[in-house]
Amino acid sequence: MSFFGRLTWEAIPIHEPIPLITSLVVLLVLAAIAVWITRNHWWSYLWHEYITSPDHKKIGIMYITLGLVMLVRGFADAS
């Protein structure tokens, strides 16, 4: 049984330019953010201060950030 179910290479929207370009831009932005965090040595700070934090203000910041990311993703999927 496959982890992705019936997902095949035909599911990648190569013939539709807007979702393809949007996906590539998102991947490039995520890679750039990962490189930026790695160069500044912030992985341990992010892990200890944000990702595992019980502070309600930091959880709210992460929730709003995720909401904005999902809003952009929704715009990309709608096109």
PDB file of N, CA and C in Angstrom:
ATOM      1  N   MET A   1       0.844  -1.181   0.000  1.00  0.00           N
ATOM      2  CA  MET A   1       0.000   0.000   0.000  1.00  0.00           C
ATOM      3  C   MET A   1       0.889   1.244   0.000  1.00  0.00           C
ATOM      4  N   SER A   2       0.596   2.151  -0.858  1.00  0.00           N
ATOM      5  CA  SER A   2       1.401   3.354  -1.016  1.00  0.00           C
ATOM      6  C   SER A   2       0.985   4.429  -0.013  1.00  0.00           C
ATOM      7  N   PHE A   3       1.939   5.202   0.413  1.00  0.00           N
ATOM      8  CA  PHE A   3       1.672   6.301   1.348  1.00  0.00           C
ATOM      9  C   PHE A   3       0.793   7.369   0.716  1.00  0.00           C
ATOM     10  N   PHE A   4       0.962   7.616  -0.557  1.00  0.00           N
ATOM     11  CA  PHE A   4       0.214   8.651  -1.259  1.00  0.00           C
ATOM     12  C   PHE A   4      -1.053   8.124  -1.925  1.00  0.00           C
ATOM     13  N   GLY A   5      -1.423   6.899  -1.689  1.00  0.00           N
ATOM     14  CA  GLY A   5      -2.635   6.351  -2.279  1.00  0.00           C
ATOM     15  C   GLY A   5      -2.479   6.145  -3.766  1.00  0.00           C
ATOM     16  N   ARG A   6      -3.386   6.721  -4.537  1.00  0.00           N
ATOM     17  CA  ARG A   6      -3.361   6.555  -5.979  1.00  0.00           C
ATOM     18  C   ARG A   6      -2.716   7.737  -6.691  1.00  0.00           C
ATOM     19  N   LEU A   7      -1.927   8.489  -5.988  1.00  0.00           N
ATOM     20  CA  LEU A   7      -1.254   9.639  -6.585  1.00  0.00           C
ATOM     21  C   LEU A   7      -0.184   9.149  -7.558  1.00  0.00           C
ATOM     22  N   THR A   8      -0.249   9.669  -8.777  1.00  0.00           N
ATOM     23  CA  THR A   8       0.716   9.285  -9.803  1.00  0.00           C
ATOM     24  C   THR A   8       1.382  10.534 -10.360  1.00  0.00           C
ATOM     25  N   TRP A   9       2.319  10.340 -11.278  1.00  0.00           N
ATOM     26  CA  TRP A   9       3.007  11.478 -11.891  1.00  0.00           C
ATOM     27  C   TRP A   9       2.054  12.306 -12.748  1.00  0.00           C
ATOM     28  N   GLU A  10       0.952  11.708 -13.189  1.00  0.00           N
ATOM     29  CA  GLU A  10      -0.018  12.456 -13.988  1.00  0.00           C
ATOM     30  C   GLU A  10      -0.738  13.515 -13.163  1.00  0.00           C
ATOM     31  N   ALA A  11      -0.663  13.422 -11.836  1.00  0.00           N
ATOM     32  CA  ALA A  11      -1.322  14.402 -10.962  1.00  0.00           C
ATOM     33  C   ALA A  11      -0.564  15.724 -10.904  1.00  0.00           C
ATOM     34  N   ILE A  12       0.688  15.741 -11.335  1.00  0.00           N
ATOM     35  CA  ILE A  12       1.463  16.978 -11.336  1.00  0.00           C
ATOM     36  C   ILE A  12       0.989  17.840 -12.502  1.00  0.00           C
ATOM     37  N   PRO A  13       0.584  19.086 -12.235  1.00  0.00           N
ATOM     38  CA  PRO A  13      -0.037  19.919 -13.283  1.00  0.00           C
ATOM     39  C   PRO A  13       0.968  20.532 -14.249  1.00  0.00           C
ATOM     40  N   ILE A  14       1.662  19.696 -14.994  1.00  0.00           N
ATOM     41  CA  ILE A  14       2.659  20.197 -15.944  1.00  0.00           C
ATOM     42  C   ILE A  14       1.982  20.944 -17.093  1.00  0.00           C
ATOM     43  N   HIS A  15       0.791  20.527 -17.470  1.00  0.00           N
ATOM     44  CA  HIS A  15       0.090  21.149 -18.597  1.00  0.00           C
ATOM     45  C   HIS A  15      -0.653  22.425 -18.200  1.00  0.00           C
ATOM     46  N   GLU A  16      -0.715  22.734 -16.892  1.00  0.00           N
ATOM     47  CA  GLU A  16      -1.368  23.957 -16.414  1.00  0.00           C
ATOM     48  C   GLU A  16      -0.300  24.874 -15.819  1.00  0.00           C
ATOM     49  N   PRO A  17      -0.001  26.003 -16.457  1.00  0.00           N
ATOM     50  CA  PRO A  17       1.145  26.809 -16.046  1.00  0.00           C
ATOM     51  C   PRO A  17       0.971  27.519 -14.695  1.00  0.00           C
ATOM     52  N   ILE A  18      -0.223  27.980 -14.361  1.00  0.00           N
ATOM     53  CA  ILE A  18      -0.382  28.761 -13.127  1.00  0.00           C
ATOM     54  C   ILE A  18      -0.123  27.912 -11.888  1.00  0.00           C
ATOM     55  N   PRO A  19      -0.755  26.733 -11.728  1.00  0.00           N
ATOM     56  CA  PRO A  19      -0.438  25.924 -10.543  1.00  0.00           C
ATOM     57  C   PRO A  19       1.006  25.436 -10.522  1.00  0.00           C
ATOM     58  N   LEU A  20       1.563  25.151 -11.687  1.00  0.00           N
ATOM     59  CA  LEU A  20       2.946  24.689 -11.746  1.00  0.00           C
ATOM     60  C   LEU A  20       3.904  25.784 -11.293  1.00  0.00           C
ATOM     61  N   ILE A  21       3.725  26.989 -11.817  1.00  0.00           N
ATOM     62  CA  ILE A  21       4.598  28.104 -11.445  1.00  0.00           C
ATOM     63  C   ILE A  21       4.414  28.458  -9.970  1.00  0.00           C
ATOM     64  N   THR A  22       3.173  28.439  -9.505  1.00  0.00           N
ATOM     65  CA  THR A  22       2.908  28.733  -8.101  1.00  0.00           C
ATOM     66  C   THR A  22       3.582  27.706  -7.203  1.00  0.00           C
ATOM     67  N   SER A  23       3.504  26.435  -7.552  1.00  0.00           N
ATOM     68  CA  SER A  23       4.160  25.390  -6.762  1.00  0.00           C
ATOM     69  C   SER A  23       5.669  25.572  -6.743  1.00  0.00           C
ATOM     70  N   LEU A  24       6.231  25.908  -7.886  1.00  0.00           N
ATOM     71  CA  LEU A  24       7.676  26.133  -7.942  1.00  0.00           C
ATOM     72  C   LEU A  24       8.099  27.341  -7.099  1.00  0.00           C
ATOM     73  N   VAL A  25       7.301  28.405  -7.144  1.00  0.00           N
ATOM     74  CA  VAL A  25       7.608  29.592  -6.342  1.00  0.00           C
ATOM     75  C   VAL A  25       7.537  29.265  -4.865  1.00  0.00           C
ATOM     76  N   VAL A  26       6.523  28.515  -4.462  1.00  0.00           N
ATOM     77  CA  VAL A  26       6.393  28.132  -3.052  1.00  0.00           C
ATOM     78  C   VAL A  26       7.589  27.289  -2.616  1.00  0.00           C
ATOM     79  N   LEU A  27       8.003  26.331  -3.442  1.00  0.00           N
ATOM     80  CA  LEU A  27       9.169  25.516  -3.106  1.00  0.00           C
ATOM     81  C   LEU A  27      10.442  26.354  -3.004  1.00  0.00           C
ATOM     82  N   LEU A  28      10.608  27.306  -3.923  1.00  0.00           N
ATOM     83  CA  LEU A  28      11.785  28.173  -3.869  1.00  0.00           C
ATOM     84  C   LEU A  28      11.784  29.068  -2.633  1.00  0.00           C
ATOM     85  N   VAL A  29      10.622  29.589  -2.275  1.00  0.00           N
ATOM     86  CA  VAL A  29      10.528  30.434  -1.076  1.00  0.00           C
ATOM     87  C   VAL A  29      10.812  29.617   0.173  1.00  0.00           C
ATOM     88  N   LEU A  30      10.258  28.413   0.267  1.00  0.00           N
ATOM     89  CA  LEU A  30      10.534  27.559   1.428  1.00  0.00           C
ATOM     90  C   LEU A  30      12.015  27.198   1.517  1.00  0.00           C
ATOM     91  N   ALA A  31      12.628  26.907   0.378  1.00  0.00           N
ATOM     92  CA  ALA A  31      14.061  26.602   0.376  1.00  0.00           C
ATOM     93  C   ALA A  31      14.874  27.820   0.797  1.00  0.00           C
ATOM     94  N   ALA A  32      14.492  29.005   0.328  1.00  0.00           N
ATOM     95  CA  ALA A  32      15.215  30.224   0.710  1.00  0.00           C
ATOM     96  C   ALA A  32      15.072  30.500   2.208  1.00  0.00           C
ATOM     97  N   ILE A  33      13.892  30.282   2.756  1.00  0.00           N
ATOM     98  CA  ILE A  33      13.693  30.481   4.200  1.00  0.00           C
ATOM     99  C   ILE A  33      14.521  29.473   4.986  1.00  0.00           C
ATOM    100  N   ALA A  34      14.561  28.218   4.538  1.00  0.00           N
ATOM    101  CA  ALA A  34      15.359  27.204   5.223  1.00  0.00           C
ATOM    102  C   ALA A  34      16.843  27.547   5.183  1.00  0.00           C
ATOM    103  N   VAL A  35      17.324  28.036   4.051  1.00  0.00           N
ATOM    104  CA  VAL A  35      18.729  28.438   3.949  1.00  0.00           C
ATOM    105  C   VAL A  35      19.006  29.627   4.864  1.00  0.00           C
ATOM    106  N   TRP A  36      18.108  30.593   4.902  1.00  0.00           N
ATOM    107  CA  TRP A  36      18.275  31.777   5.748  1.00  0.00           C
ATOM    108  C   TRP A  36      18.320  31.394   7.225  1.00  0.00           C
ATOM    109  N   ILE A  37      17.430  30.499   7.649  1.00  0.00           N
ATOM    110  CA  ILE A  37      17.414  30.047   9.040  1.00  0.00           C
ATOM    111  C   ILE A  37      18.684  29.269   9.360  1.00  0.00           C
ATOM    112  N   THR A  38      19.151  28.449   8.417  1.00  0.00           N
ATOM    113  CA  THR A  38      20.359  27.667   8.642  1.00  0.00           C
ATOM    114  C   THR A  38      21.590  28.563   8.736  1.00  0.00           C
ATOM    115  N   ARG A  39      21.695  29.549   7.870  1.00  0.00           N
ATOM    116  CA  ARG A  39      22.859  30.449   7.911  1.00  0.00           C
ATOM    117  C   ARG A  39      22.923  31.269   9.194  1.00  0.00           C
ATOM    118  N   ASN A  40      21.768  31.617   9.740  1.00  0.00           N
ATOM    119  CA  ASN A  40      21.738  32.400  10.973  1.00  0.00           C
ATOM    120  C   ASN A  40      21.710  31.527  12.229  1.00  0.00           C
ATOM    121  N   HIS A  41      21.753  30.201  12.057  1.00  0.00           N
ATOM    122  CA  HIS A  41      21.773  29.245  13.171  1.00  0.00           C
ATOM    123  C   HIS A  41      20.571  29.445  14.095  1.00  0.00           C
ATOM    124  N   TRP A  42      19.381  29.509  13.528  1.00  0.00           N
ATOM    125  CA  TRP A  42      18.166  29.752  14.305  1.00  0.00           C
ATOM    126  C   TRP A  42      17.327  28.513  14.537  1.00  0.00           C
ATOM    127  N   TRP A  43      17.769  27.342  14.084  1.00  0.00           N
ATOM    128  CA  TRP A  43      16.936  26.146  14.233  1.00  0.00           C
ATOM    129  C   TRP A  43      16.678  25.820  15.697  1.00  0.00           C
ATOM    130  N   SER A  44      17.696  25.862  16.542  1.00  0.00           N
ATOM    131  CA  SER A  44      17.484  25.536  17.965  1.00  0.00           C
ATOM    132  C   SER A  44      16.624  26.594  18.639  1.00  0.00           C
ATOM    133  N   TYR A  45      16.808  27.875  18.267  1.00  0.00           N
ATOM    134  CA  TYR A  45      15.974  28.936  18.827  1.00  0.00           C
ATOM    135  C   TYR A  45      14.506  28.720  18.453  1.00  0.00           C
ATOM    136  N   LEU A  46      14.250  28.438  17.179  1.00  0.00           N
ATOM    137  CA  LEU A  46      12.875  28.211  16.741  1.00  0.00           C
ATOM    138  C   LEU A  46      12.265  27.002  17.434  1.00  0.00           C
ATOM    139  N   TRP A  47      13.058  25.949  17.608  1.00  0.00           N
ATOM    140  CA  TRP A  47      12.537  24.747  18.249  1.00  0.00           C
ATOM    141  C   TRP A  47      12.182  25.015  19.714  1.00  0.00           C
ATOM    142  N   HIS A  48      13.098  25.664  20.435  1.00  0.00           N
ATOM    143  CA  HIS A  48      12.887  25.871  21.874  1.00  0.00           C
ATOM    144  C   HIS A  48      11.945  27.024  22.187  1.00  0.00           C
ATOM    145  N   GLU A  49      11.946  28.062  21.370  1.00  0.00           N
ATOM    146  CA  GLU A  49      11.157  29.249  21.692  1.00  0.00           C
ATOM    147  C   GLU A  49       9.793  29.293  21.019  1.00  0.00           C
ATOM    148  N   TYR A  50       9.617  28.595  19.896  1.00  0.00           N
ATOM    149  CA  TYR A  50       8.338  28.689  19.194  1.00  0.00           C
ATOM    150  C   TYR A  50       7.647  27.335  19.040  1.00  0.00           C
ATOM    151  N   ILE A  51       8.297  26.389  18.423  1.00  0.00           N
ATOM    152  CA  ILE A  51       7.619  25.146  18.046  1.00  0.00           C
ATOM    153  C   ILE A  51       7.152  24.361  19.270  1.00  0.00           C
ATOM    154  N   THR A  52       7.956  24.313  20.331  1.00  0.00           N
ATOM    155  CA  THR A  52       7.568  23.569  21.532  1.00  0.00           C
ATOM    156  C   THR A  52       7.109  24.481  22.663  1.00  0.00           C
ATOM    157  N   SER A  53       6.775  25.713  22.372  1.00  0.00           N
ATOM    158  CA  SER A  53       6.400  26.677  23.397  1.00  0.00           C
ATOM    159  C   SER A  53       4.937  26.532  23.820  1.00  0.00           C
ATOM    160  N   PRO A  54       4.648  26.602  25.132  1.00  0.00           N
ATOM    161  CA  PRO A  54       3.256  26.626  25.579  1.00  0.00           C
ATOM    162  C   PRO A  54       2.701  28.048  25.698  1.00  0.00           C
ATOM    163  N   ASP A  55       3.515  29.053  25.333  1.00  0.00           N
ATOM    164  CA  ASP A  55       3.105  30.452  25.444  1.00  0.00           C
ATOM    165  C   ASP A  55       2.002  30.755  24.431  1.00  0.00           C
ATOM    166  N   HIS A  56       0.878  31.262  24.924  1.00  0.00           N
ATOM    167  CA  HIS A  56      -0.271  31.494  24.056  1.00  0.00           C
ATOM    168  C   HIS A  56      -0.014  32.579  23.016  1.00  0.00           C
ATOM    169  N   LYS A  57       0.855  33.527  23.305  1.00  0.00           N
ATOM    170  CA  LYS A  57       1.151  34.579  22.323  1.00  0.00           C
ATOM    171  C   LYS A  57       1.955  34.027  21.156  1.00  0.00           C
ATOM    172  N   LYS A  58       2.903  33.159  21.444  1.00  0.00           N
ATOM    173  CA  LYS A  58       3.701  32.559  20.366  1.00  0.00           C
ATOM    174  C   LYS A  58       2.865  31.578  19.553  1.00  0.00           C
ATOM    175  N   ILE A  59       1.963  30.864  20.216  1.00  0.00           N
ATOM    176  CA  ILE A  59       1.068  29.966  19.489  1.00  0.00           C
ATOM    177  C   ILE A  59       0.170  30.783  18.568  1.00  0.00           C
ATOM    178  N   GLY A  60      -0.285  31.948  19.024  1.00  0.00           N
ATOM    179  CA  GLY A  60      -1.107  32.827  18.192  1.00  0.00           C
ATOM    180  C   GLY A  60      -0.344  33.336  16.988  1.00  0.00           C
ATOM    181  N   ILE A  61       0.924  33.691  17.172  1.00  0.00           N
ATOM    182  CA  ILE A  61       1.755  34.143  16.048  1.00  0.00           C
ATOM    183  C   ILE A  61       1.906  33.024  15.021  1.00  0.00           C
ATOM    184  N   MET A  62       2.161  31.798  15.496  1.00  0.00           N
ATOM    185  CA  MET A  62       2.298  30.673  14.574  1.00  0.00           C
ATOM    186  C   MET A  62       0.973  30.389  13.865  1.00  0.00           C
ATOM    187  N   TYR A  63      -0.147  30.523  14.571  1.00  0.00           N
ATOM    188  CA  TYR A  63      -1.463  30.280  13.983  1.00  0.00           C
ATOM    189  C   TYR A  63      -1.780  31.309  12.897  1.00  0.00           C
ATOM    190  N   ILE A  64      -1.487  32.576  13.157  1.00  0.00           N
ATOM    191  CA  ILE A  64      -1.725  33.625  12.163  1.00  0.00           C
ATOM    192  C   ILE A  64      -0.817  33.428  10.950  1.00  0.00           C
ATOM    193  N   THR A  65       0.438  33.072  11.187  1.00  0.00           N
ATOM    194  CA  THR A  65       1.367  32.823  10.085  1.00  0.00           C
ATOM    195  C   THR A  65       0.877  31.677   9.213  1.00  0.00           C
ATOM    196  N   LEU A  66       0.445  30.588   9.847  1.00  0.00           N
ATOM    197  CA  LEU A  66      -0.076  29.459   9.083  1.00  0.00           C
ATOM    198  C   LEU A  66      -1.339  29.843   8.329  1.00  0.00           C
ATOM    199  N   GLY A  67      -2.181  30.668   8.935  1.00  0.00           N
ATOM    200  CA  GLY A  67      -3.388  31.132   8.253  1.00  0.00           C
ATOM    201  C   GLY A  67      -3.067  31.941   7.004  1.00  0.00           C
ATOM    202  N   LEU A  68      -2.061  32.809   7.084  1.00  0.00           N
ATOM    203  CA  LEU A  68      -1.659  33.592   5.907  1.00  0.00           C
ATOM    204  C   LEU A  68      -1.071  32.703   4.816  1.00  0.00           C
ATOM    205  N   VAL A  69      -0.283  31.704   5.226  1.00  0.00           N
ATOM    206  CA  VAL A  69       0.277  30.772   4.240  1.00  0.00           C
ATOM    207  C   VAL A  69      -0.840  30.004   3.542  1.00  0.00           C
ATOM    208  N   MET A  70      -1.836  29.562   4.305  1.00  0.00           N
ATOM    209  CA  MET A  70      -2.949  28.824   3.708  1.00  0.00           C
ATOM    210  C   MET A  70      -3.815  29.727   2.827  1.00  0.00           C
ATOM    211  N   LEU A  71      -3.896  31.014   3.160  1.00  0.00           N
ATOM    212  CA  LEU A  71      -4.618  31.961   2.311  1.00  0.00           C
ATOM    213  C   LEU A  71      -3.939  32.086   0.955  1.00  0.00           C
ATOM    214  N   VAL A  72      -2.627  32.203   0.944  1.00  0.00           N
ATOM    215  CA  VAL A  72      -1.878  32.277  -0.310  1.00  0.00           C
ATOM    216  C   VAL A  72      -2.029  30.987  -1.087  1.00  0.00           C
ATOM    217  N   ARG A  73      -1.989  29.854  -0.379  1.00  0.00           N
ATOM    218  CA  ARG A  73      -2.163  28.564  -1.053  1.00  0.00           C
ATOM    219  C   ARG A  73      -3.567  28.462  -1.650  1.00  0.00           C
ATOM    220  N   GLY A  74      -4.561  28.960  -0.952  1.00  0.00           N
ATOM    221  CA  GLY A  74      -5.916  28.946  -1.479  1.00  0.00           C
ATOM    222  C   GLY A  74      -6.042  29.770  -2.744  1.00  0.00           C
ATOM    223  N   PHE A  75      -5.383  30.927  -2.782  1.00  0.00           N
ATOM    224  CA  PHE A  75      -5.390  31.748  -4.003  1.00  0.00           C
ATOM    225  C   PHE A  75      -4.729  31.000  -5.145  1.00  0.00           C
ATOM    226  N   ALA A  76      -3.651  30.285  -4.846  1.00  0.00           N
ATOM    227  CA  ALA A  76      -2.952  29.529  -5.893  1.00  0.00           C
ATOM    228  C   ALA A  76      -3.817  28.380  -6.401  1.00  0.00           C
ATOM    229  N   ASP A  77      -4.520  27.714  -5.501  1.00  0.00           N
ATOM    230  CA  ASP A  77      -5.363  26.591  -5.911  1.00  0.00           C
ATOM    231  C   ASP A  77      -6.599  27.048  -6.671  1.00  0.00           C
ATOM    232  N   ALA A  78      -7.071  28.255  -6.362  1.00  0.00           N
ATOM    233  CA  ALA A  78      -8.281  28.754  -7.019  1.00  0.00           C
ATOM    234  C   ALA A  78      -8.039  29.172  -8.462  1.00  0.00           C
ATOM    235  N   SER A  79      -6.808  29.447  -8.798  1.00  0.00           N
ATOM    236  CA  SER A  79      -6.531  29.914 -10.154  1.00  0.00           C
ATOM    237  C   SER A  79      -6.443  28.777 -11.153  1.00  0.00           C
TER     238      SER A  79
END
